[in-house]
Structures are given as C-alpha cells and as structure tokens.
Amino acid sequence: MFVGFKREEDETKMRVLTNHKIKILFLRITFCILAAALLSAIVTFWCQEKMNLGLGKAAALLPVGILIVGISVLAICYGYFKEQDKLMEDAVVKIRQFISGDREARIECDEEGELFRLFHEVNSMAAILNAKADNEGKSRKFLQNTISDVSHQLKTPLAALNIYNGILQAEAEAADLETVKEFTDLSEKELDRIETLVQNFLNVAKFDAGTMVLEKRSENILDMMTNVKKQFLFRAGQEGKEIVLSGSEAVSLYCDRSWVTEAVGNIVKNALDHTKAGDCIWVKWSMSVSAFRITIKDNGSGIHPEDLYHIFKRFYRSRYSKDTQGIGLGLPLAKSVVEAHNGTIEVASRLGEGTTFVLNFMITTKL
C-alpha cells in the first residue's frame, strides 16, 4: 500500500516536470541564482583586489546580491503566475460560454502539463454532454412523433364511434325504442369518458417527454375563469351545485391560456365529483407583489388525511373515494401544468368540510 502511494507520488512529480513552462521557470530561477552567485564572487574579488578591502568588508556587499536575487526570482514567478492566471480566466470564460448554450466552446489545451491535462478532460466532458444532449433530443423527437401518431390514430376511431352512436340515438328516438335509447345514452357517456382519458394520457405524456411548448401571453383571468365556469355550468345546474367566481376584473396573468384553463378545469371537475346537491365551488384569484394566486375551494366531502399526500400521484385511487369513473390523471396533469409555469400547487382539506386548492404563479416580466 505504502509502496503504491510512493510510486504515485513520484509519478506526480514527474508529470509536473513534463510541463515545458515549469521547466523554463526552474531554469530561469536556477540561472538567476547562479548568475547572482557568480556576480557576487566577481564583485567580492574586485573589491579585494582593486579597492584593497578586507574580506569582511567585501562580504558586507552579500546582502545586496541576495536582494537582487530575491527581486529577480519574484519578478520571474510573478510573470509565470500572471500567465497561469490568464489561462485560468480564459478557461472560465469558455466554461461559462458552454453553460450559456455555446456547445462549440472549448478550452485551448495544446501544451503539456497537469493544467492542460485538466483542460483536456473538461473538453472531453463537454463533448460527452453534447453527445448525450443529441441522443436525448433524438429520443424526445421520436417520442413526440409517436405521441402525435397515437393521438391521430385514437382520435379518428373515437370520432367515428361518436358519429355512429349519434345515429343510433336518433334512430332509437324516432322509433321510440326506449331500451336502445337508454343504452346509446350510456354508450355516449362511456365514449366521452374514453375521449377524456385518452386526451389526459396524451397530455401527461407530452409533459413527460418535454415536448409541450407553452404559448404564453398576457391573459385576462376573469375571462379565463368565466370559460371554465361555462364548461361546467350545465353539469352544475343538473346536479344542483353552484360555481362562484371572485376576483378583480382587470387582473392579467402571463401564461398559456389553454393549459392554465385545463388545470383549473380539472380541479373544478374534481370538486364537482366530491360535492353534493346544494354545495358550492368558489374560484377566487388575487395578486400580490411577487405572486399570482388562484384558489379553488369547495364545501364537499373533503379528502381523507391518508390520501392528502398522494392525490397528485398518477393513477392513485383512494379506498375512501366514491368516484368510480376517474382513474387519477386530472390532478397530476394540473400539477404538471402549474409547475411548467414555474408555479406551485397546494392543497388543504378536512373530512366533511371541503377542500381548498391553491395555485401560485410567480409574476414574471414579459421579455
């Protein structure tokens, strides 16, 4: 063990001496010391011979020679380390350029030595990162194309089935076939459910693949929340529930309108699923100095404490839930949308008292 350590230490010393500039540094210092020693000897001899000074008086000039040697060594070392500092600064600039997105930025490392060996390893790491980024880009592109193909293949038969079912409903109603009408109505609900599930699957997959592009604009929140209310107004009326909007009419949020509407809509749908006739869902919004907040609150059945920390997991189904239709994608999708806007989503609930979801968006300046 100690022999191996000793050998490694010797190899390190040898690698240091392979640096051409360090060799020159040592040679210059050695030359400076030898020249100073020779000059001191000459001056001492001259003072003894020509000026008839004793050896003691001649030796008094020795500190002057040492001072000259010290100044010379300091000057040589200063020049060397100044050059090394410039190399390090250039390397830092190149690394920052690479971090900022310049994938072709590289550190010059054409010479020998440990420092240039380090630079070479940094360049190798940059090349590996570029290769991985290219592979990841190809994988994302493949996944994006696959998602588009699947989306197209699924939407076509679903649209056809909806058309066929509509024809059957019309024929059953015209012929007064109550049994056929009943089952076609059930079939329509299941087709709508399948279409919703497929759309949620595709949306979640797009966020996972990183292929979702947000088209952000300054959007009026009252207009967005009014659209959400209209989306569920018919259902709320049938079930005897009320959706109440509350917030300033002039407030705007820089966001992707369709996706934020989708996120809020999923939470409102979840609230409708867990409230009964006579209950209410409140959608409020407000703005502070640094954040914009959307709150969706209901006075429904609430969430069991056991489930509170799991509701944003995909496909999570509570054993206490009475909802037999959902599969657990609406809330995870809402969370993905909010986080894609650099926001956060919070939830608080009590059994029998209701649930409150809070969506926080950082206020950013449009570039």
Protein backbone atom coordinates (compact mmCIF):
# COMPACT_ATOMS: atom_id res chain seq x y z
CA MET A 1 0.00 0.00 0.00
CA PHE A 2 2.71 2.48 1.00
CA VAL A 3 4.87 1.43 -1.94
CA GLY A 4 2.00 2.14 -4.31
CA PHE A 5 1.42 5.53 -2.70
CA LYS A 6 5.13 6.37 -3.02
CA ARG A 7 5.16 5.39 -6.67
CA GLU A 8 2.07 7.50 -7.36
CA GLU A 9 3.71 10.46 -5.63
CA ASP A 10 6.85 10.07 -7.78
CA GLU A 11 4.76 9.89 -10.94
CA THR A 12 3.03 13.11 -9.94
CA LYS A 13 6.36 14.86 -9.57
CA MET A 14 7.47 13.57 -12.95
CA ARG A 15 4.25 14.80 -14.57
CA VAL A 16 4.79 18.24 -13.08
CA LEU A 17 8.27 18.40 -14.62
CA THR A 18 6.87 17.50 -18.07
CA ASN A 19 5.32 20.94 -18.25
CA HIS A 20 7.51 22.98 -20.57
CA LYS A 21 6.69 26.28 -18.86
CA ILE A 22 7.52 24.90 -15.39
CA LYS A 23 10.86 23.66 -16.75
CA ILE A 24 11.58 27.15 -18.08
CA LEU A 25 10.55 28.63 -14.71
CA PHE A 26 13.00 26.36 -12.83
CA LEU A 27 15.77 27.05 -15.36
CA ARG A 28 15.29 30.82 -15.07
CA ILE A 29 15.37 30.70 -11.26
CA THR A 30 18.46 28.48 -11.37
CA PHE A 31 20.15 30.76 -13.88
CA CYS A 32 19.25 33.79 -11.76
CA ILE A 33 20.78 32.19 -8.63
CA LEU A 34 23.94 31.10 -10.48
CA ALA A 35 24.34 34.48 -12.15
CA ALA A 36 23.89 36.25 -8.82
CA ALA A 37 26.39 33.92 -7.14
CA LEU A 38 28.91 34.47 -9.94
CA LEU A 39 28.37 38.21 -9.87
CA SER A 40 28.80 38.28 -6.08
CA ALA A 41 32.07 36.37 -6.40
CA ILE A 42 33.33 38.75 -9.08
CA VAL A 43 32.37 41.83 -7.08
CA THR A 44 33.93 40.42 -3.92
CA PHE A 45 37.17 39.61 -5.77
CA TRP A 46 37.24 43.04 -7.45
CA CYS A 47 36.70 44.83 -4.16
CA GLN A 48 39.55 42.89 -2.56
CA GLU A 49 41.99 43.37 -5.42
CA LYS A 50 41.20 46.83 -6.72
CA MET A 51 39.84 48.61 -3.70
CA ASN A 52 42.05 46.85 -1.13
CA LEU A 53 39.01 46.00 1.02
CA GLY A 54 39.20 43.22 3.52
CA LEU A 55 37.20 40.04 3.18
CA GLY A 56 34.76 41.17 5.89
CA LYS A 57 34.03 44.47 4.18
CA ALA A 58 33.69 42.79 0.81
CA ALA A 59 31.31 40.25 2.32
CA ALA A 60 29.11 43.13 3.52
CA LEU A 61 28.03 43.50 -0.09
CA LEU A 62 26.48 39.99 0.04
CA PRO A 63 23.00 41.16 1.24
CA VAL A 64 22.82 43.38 -1.84
CA GLY A 65 23.37 40.33 -4.03
CA ILE A 66 20.74 38.36 -2.10
CA LEU A 67 18.29 41.23 -2.53
CA ILE A 68 18.94 41.29 -6.26
CA VAL A 69 18.40 37.52 -6.44
CA GLY A 70 15.14 37.79 -4.46
CA ILE A 71 13.77 40.57 -6.65
CA SER A 72 14.70 38.66 -9.80
CA VAL A 73 13.01 35.46 -8.56
CA LEU A 74 9.89 37.39 -7.56
CA ALA A 75 9.75 39.02 -10.99
CA ILE A 76 10.13 35.65 -12.74
CA CYS A 77 7.45 34.00 -10.54
CA TYR A 78 5.10 36.95 -10.99
CA GLY A 79 5.36 36.69 -14.75
CA TYR A 80 4.74 32.94 -14.64
CA PHE A 81 1.73 33.07 -12.34
CA LYS A 82 0.28 36.02 -14.21
CA GLU A 83 0.35 33.90 -17.35
CA GLN A 84 -1.24 30.97 -15.47
CA ASP A 85 -3.94 33.27 -14.14
CA LYS A 86 -4.72 34.40 -17.68
CA LEU A 87 -5.04 30.76 -18.77
CA MET A 88 -7.46 30.09 -15.91
CA GLU A 89 -9.54 33.18 -16.72
CA ASP A 90 -9.75 32.16 -20.38
CA ALA A 91 -10.85 28.68 -19.27
CA VAL A 92 -13.56 30.15 -17.01
CA VAL A 93 -14.84 32.28 -19.91
CA LYS A 94 -15.05 29.22 -22.16
CA ILE A 95 -16.85 27.19 -19.49
CA ARG A 96 -19.37 30.00 -18.96
CA GLN A 97 -19.94 30.19 -22.71
CA PHE A 98 -20.65 26.45 -22.77
CA ILE A 99 -23.06 26.73 -19.83
CA SER A 100 -24.82 29.64 -21.59
CA GLY A 101 -25.54 27.45 -24.60
CA ASP A 102 -22.47 27.69 -26.85
CA ARG A 103 -21.96 23.98 -27.48
CA GLU A 104 -18.80 24.60 -29.54
CA ALA A 105 -16.94 26.44 -26.75
CA ARG A 106 -13.66 24.67 -25.91
CA ILE A 107 -10.59 25.46 -23.81
CA GLU A 108 -7.25 25.69 -25.59
CA CYS A 109 -5.08 22.79 -24.41
CA ASP A 110 -2.28 22.33 -26.95
CA GLU A 111 0.56 22.18 -24.44
CA GLU A 112 1.78 19.64 -21.89
CA GLY A 113 1.29 19.73 -18.15
CA GLU A 114 -1.28 18.96 -15.49
CA LEU A 115 -3.26 22.17 -16.05
CA PHE A 116 -3.65 21.47 -19.76
CA ARG A 117 -4.49 17.86 -18.93
CA LEU A 118 -7.32 19.19 -16.76
CA PHE A 119 -8.46 21.41 -19.64
CA HIS A 120 -8.45 18.41 -21.95
CA GLU A 121 -10.67 16.45 -19.53
CA VAL A 122 -13.08 19.39 -19.33
CA ASN A 123 -13.25 19.46 -23.15
CA SER A 124 -13.90 15.71 -23.16
CA MET A 125 -16.70 16.16 -20.64
CA ALA A 126 -18.23 18.88 -22.82
CA ALA A 127 -18.12 16.55 -25.83
CA ILE A 128 -19.83 13.79 -23.81
CA LEU A 129 -22.54 16.20 -22.63
CA ASN A 130 -23.13 17.30 -26.23
CA ALA A 131 -23.44 13.68 -27.34
CA LYS A 132 -25.92 12.92 -24.54
CA ALA A 133 -27.92 16.05 -25.38
CA ASP A 134 -28.09 14.98 -29.03
CA ASN A 135 -29.27 11.50 -28.05
CA GLU A 136 -31.85 12.94 -25.67
CA GLY A 137 -33.06 15.30 -28.39
CA LYS A 138 -33.47 12.39 -30.80
CA SER A 139 -35.34 10.39 -28.15
CA ARG A 140 -37.66 13.29 -27.42
CA LYS A 141 -38.27 13.81 -31.13
CA PHE A 142 -39.09 10.13 -31.55
CA LEU A 143 -41.43 10.24 -28.56
CA GLN A 144 -43.08 13.41 -29.84
CA ASN A 145 -43.71 11.80 -33.23
CA THR A 146 -45.02 8.65 -31.55
CA ILE A 147 -47.41 10.67 -29.39
CA SER A 148 -48.66 12.55 -32.46
CA ASP A 149 -49.23 9.30 -34.34
CA VAL A 150 -51.03 7.69 -31.41
CA SER A 151 -53.15 10.80 -30.95
CA HIS A 152 -54.17 10.77 -34.59
CA GLN A 153 -54.88 7.02 -34.60
CA LEU A 154 -57.04 7.24 -31.46
CA LYS A 155 -58.99 10.36 -32.32
CA THR A 156 -60.20 9.00 -35.66
CA PRO A 157 -61.98 5.87 -34.36
CA LEU A 158 -63.36 7.75 -31.35
CA ALA A 159 -64.86 10.39 -33.62
CA ALA A 160 -66.35 7.67 -35.81
CA LEU A 161 -67.84 5.87 -32.81
CA ASN A 162 -69.41 9.12 -31.59
CA ILE A 163 -71.00 9.63 -35.00
CA TYR A 164 -72.31 6.08 -35.13
CA ASN A 165 -73.68 6.37 -31.62
CA GLY A 166 -75.40 9.64 -32.52
CA ILE A 167 -77.08 7.98 -35.48
CA LEU A 168 -78.27 5.12 -33.27
CA GLN A 169 -79.66 7.59 -30.74
CA ALA A 170 -81.57 9.47 -33.43
CA GLU A 171 -82.99 6.24 -34.87
CA ALA A 172 -83.95 4.94 -31.43
CA GLU A 173 -85.69 8.19 -30.57
CA ALA A 174 -87.55 8.25 -33.87
CA ALA A 175 -88.68 4.63 -33.50
CA ASP A 176 -89.48 5.09 -29.79
CA LEU A 177 -87.10 2.29 -28.78
CA GLU A 178 -86.57 3.10 -25.12
CA THR A 179 -84.12 0.26 -24.42
CA VAL A 180 -81.91 1.16 -27.38
CA LYS A 181 -82.11 4.84 -26.42
CA GLU A 182 -81.07 4.02 -22.84
CA PHE A 183 -78.02 2.04 -23.90
CA THR A 184 -76.93 4.52 -26.56
CA ASP A 185 -77.03 7.24 -23.90
CA LEU A 186 -74.83 5.09 -21.68
CA SER A 187 -72.57 4.41 -24.66
CA GLU A 188 -72.23 8.14 -25.28
CA LYS A 189 -71.13 8.74 -21.69
CA GLU A 190 -68.52 5.98 -21.92
CA LEU A 191 -67.21 7.32 -25.24
CA ASP A 192 -66.89 10.79 -23.71
CA ARG A 193 -65.05 9.27 -20.77
CA ILE A 194 -62.68 7.36 -23.08
CA GLU A 195 -62.00 10.51 -25.07
CA THR A 196 -61.20 12.43 -21.88
CA LEU A 197 -58.91 9.68 -20.62
CA VAL A 198 -57.06 9.42 -23.93
CA GLN A 199 -56.59 13.19 -24.03
CA ASN A 200 -55.25 13.20 -20.46
CA PHE A 201 -52.89 10.34 -21.27
CA LEU A 202 -51.52 12.21 -24.26
CA ASN A 203 -51.15 15.48 -22.33
CA VAL A 204 -49.29 13.79 -19.47
CA ALA A 205 -47.03 12.01 -21.97
CA LYS A 206 -46.22 15.31 -23.67
CA PHE A 207 -45.17 16.88 -20.37
CA ASP A 208 -43.07 13.83 -19.50
CA ALA A 209 -41.36 13.90 -22.88
CA GLY A 210 -40.63 17.61 -22.57
CA THR A 211 -42.31 18.23 -25.93
CA MET A 212 -45.02 20.53 -24.62
CA VAL A 213 -44.46 24.11 -25.83
CA LEU A 214 -46.21 26.77 -23.77
CA GLU A 215 -47.54 29.72 -25.75
CA LYS A 216 -47.57 32.42 -23.09
CA ARG A 217 -49.42 35.70 -23.44
CA SER A 218 -50.93 38.24 -21.08
CA GLU A 219 -54.40 36.82 -20.40
CA ASN A 220 -57.34 38.30 -18.50
CA ILE A 221 -58.10 35.98 -15.58
CA LEU A 222 -61.82 36.84 -15.36
CA ASP A 223 -62.26 35.84 -19.00
CA MET A 224 -60.38 32.55 -18.43
CA MET A 225 -62.30 31.62 -15.28
CA THR A 226 -65.61 32.53 -16.95
CA ASN A 227 -64.79 30.00 -19.67
CA VAL A 228 -64.10 27.36 -17.01
CA LYS A 229 -67.45 28.10 -15.38
CA LYS A 230 -69.27 27.85 -18.72
CA GLN A 231 -67.61 24.48 -19.33
CA PHE A 232 -69.21 23.00 -16.19
CA LEU A 233 -72.30 25.19 -15.87
CA PHE A 234 -74.70 22.65 -17.39
CA ARG A 235 -73.45 19.82 -15.16
CA ALA A 236 -73.53 22.02 -12.06
CA GLY A 237 -77.14 23.02 -12.85
CA GLN A 238 -78.20 19.39 -13.31
CA GLU A 239 -76.59 18.37 -10.02
CA GLY A 240 -77.91 21.37 -8.06
CA LYS A 241 -74.47 22.87 -7.38
CA GLU A 242 -73.13 26.39 -7.81
CA ILE A 243 -69.84 27.74 -9.18
CA VAL A 244 -68.95 31.22 -7.88
CA LEU A 245 -66.20 33.43 -9.35
CA SER A 246 -64.50 36.11 -7.28
CA GLY A 247 -61.62 38.45 -8.18
CA SER A 248 -60.61 41.65 -9.90
CA GLU A 249 -61.82 42.12 -13.48
CA ALA A 250 -58.62 43.90 -14.54
CA VAL A 251 -56.06 41.33 -13.38
CA SER A 252 -53.99 39.56 -16.06
CA LEU A 253 -51.55 36.67 -15.93
CA TYR A 254 -48.71 35.92 -18.36
CA CYS A 255 -49.43 32.28 -19.15
CA ASP A 256 -50.57 29.70 -21.66
CA ARG A 257 -54.32 30.26 -21.62
CA SER A 258 -55.43 26.81 -22.77
CA TRP A 259 -53.21 24.91 -20.32
CA VAL A 260 -54.00 27.02 -17.26
CA THR A 261 -57.69 26.74 -18.13
CA GLU A 262 -57.22 22.96 -18.40
CA ALA A 263 -55.53 22.82 -14.97
CA VAL A 264 -58.22 24.87 -13.23
CA GLY A 265 -60.92 22.92 -15.07
CA ASN A 266 -59.53 19.60 -13.81
CA ILE A 267 -59.64 20.85 -10.22
CA VAL A 268 -63.18 22.22 -10.64
CA LYS A 269 -64.24 18.85 -12.10
CA ASN A 270 -62.67 17.12 -9.10
CA ALA A 271 -64.65 19.44 -6.81
CA LEU A 272 -67.89 18.61 -8.65
CA ASP A 273 -67.14 14.90 -8.26
CA HIS A 274 -66.87 15.26 -4.48
CA THR A 275 -69.75 17.62 -3.68
CA LYS A 276 -73.48 17.01 -3.38
CA ALA A 277 -76.60 18.96 -4.31
CA GLY A 278 -76.67 22.36 -2.64
CA ASP A 279 -72.87 22.58 -2.29
CA CYS A 280 -70.75 25.35 -3.82
CA ILE A 281 -67.40 25.69 -5.58
CA TRP A 282 -65.61 29.04 -5.24
CA VAL A 283 -62.94 30.12 -7.72
CA LYS A 284 -61.01 33.15 -6.46
CA TRP A 285 -57.93 34.95 -7.72
CA SER A 286 -55.69 37.66 -6.30
CA MET A 287 -52.32 39.25 -6.95
CA SER A 288 -49.52 40.21 -4.56
CA VAL A 289 -46.21 41.94 -5.24
CA SER A 290 -44.40 38.79 -6.36
CA ALA A 291 -47.05 36.13 -6.99
CA PHE A 292 -50.45 35.50 -8.55
CA ARG A 293 -52.82 33.12 -6.75
CA ILE A 294 -55.83 31.13 -7.92
CA THR A 295 -57.86 29.40 -5.19
CA ILE A 296 -60.46 26.69 -5.87
CA LYS A 297 -62.47 25.88 -2.76
CA ASP A 298 -65.48 23.63 -2.15
CA ASN A 299 -67.58 22.58 0.84
CA GLY A 300 -67.84 18.95 -0.20
CA SER A 301 -66.81 15.67 1.36
CA GLY A 302 -63.14 16.56 1.74
CA ILE A 303 -60.06 14.35 1.34
CA HIS A 304 -59.12 11.68 3.84
CA PRO A 305 -55.84 12.51 5.66
CA GLU A 306 -54.41 9.22 4.45
CA ASP A 307 -54.83 10.35 0.83
CA LEU A 308 -53.81 14.00 1.14
CA TYR A 309 -50.14 13.42 0.30
CA HIS A 310 -50.88 11.07 -2.61
CA ILE A 311 -53.54 12.84 -4.66
CA PHE A 312 -51.01 14.20 -7.18
CA LYS A 313 -49.66 10.72 -7.94
CA ARG A 314 -50.79 9.30 -11.25
CA PHE A 315 -53.48 6.62 -11.17
CA TYR A 316 -53.83 6.98 -7.41
CA ARG A 317 -57.27 5.86 -6.25
CA SER A 318 -58.37 6.32 -2.66
CA ARG A 319 -60.11 3.42 -0.98
CA TYR A 320 -62.42 6.02 0.59
CA SER A 321 -63.39 7.68 -2.71
CA LYS A 322 -66.93 7.23 -4.04
CA ASP A 323 -65.82 8.31 -7.55
CA THR A 324 -65.79 5.19 -9.72
CA GLN A 325 -65.22 6.95 -13.04
CA GLY A 326 -61.88 8.75 -12.73
CA ILE A 327 -58.52 7.00 -12.96
CA GLY A 328 -56.37 9.63 -11.25
CA LEU A 329 -54.89 11.76 -14.04
CA GLY A 330 -56.69 15.10 -13.68
CA LEU A 331 -54.85 16.38 -10.60
CA PRO A 332 -51.38 15.15 -11.71
CA LEU A 333 -51.93 16.92 -15.04
CA ALA A 334 -52.94 20.12 -13.22
CA LYS A 335 -49.76 19.89 -11.15
CA SER A 336 -47.64 19.42 -14.30
CA VAL A 337 -49.23 22.47 -15.93
CA VAL A 338 -48.66 24.69 -12.88
CA GLU A 339 -45.05 23.56 -12.48
CA ALA A 340 -44.43 24.12 -16.21
CA HIS A 341 -45.31 27.78 -15.48
CA ASN A 342 -42.74 27.78 -12.62
CA GLY A 343 -45.56 27.74 -10.11
CA THR A 344 -46.63 25.60 -7.16
CA ILE A 345 -49.86 23.89 -6.18
CA GLU A 346 -51.01 23.34 -2.59
CA VAL A 347 -53.97 21.52 -1.07
CA ALA A 348 -55.69 21.61 2.32
CA SER A 349 -58.72 19.57 3.28
CA ARG A 350 -60.89 18.37 6.15
CA LEU A 351 -63.33 15.49 6.02
CA GLY A 352 -66.90 16.70 5.81
CA GLU A 353 -65.85 20.37 5.46
CA GLY A 354 -64.35 20.61 1.99
CA THR A 355 -61.10 21.05 0.09
CA THR A 356 -59.03 24.04 -0.99
CA PHE A 357 -56.52 24.02 -3.85
CA VAL A 358 -54.15 26.98 -4.21
CA LEU A 359 -52.24 27.63 -7.45
CA ASN A 360 -49.32 30.05 -7.06
CA PHE A 361 -47.67 31.63 -10.10
CA MET A 362 -44.57 33.80 -9.86
CA ILE A 363 -45.10 37.17 -11.53
CA THR A 364 -42.62 37.47 -14.41
CA THR A 365 -41.94 40.30 -16.83
CA LYS A 366 -42.65 39.53 -20.45
CA LEU A 367 -39.43 39.65 -22.49
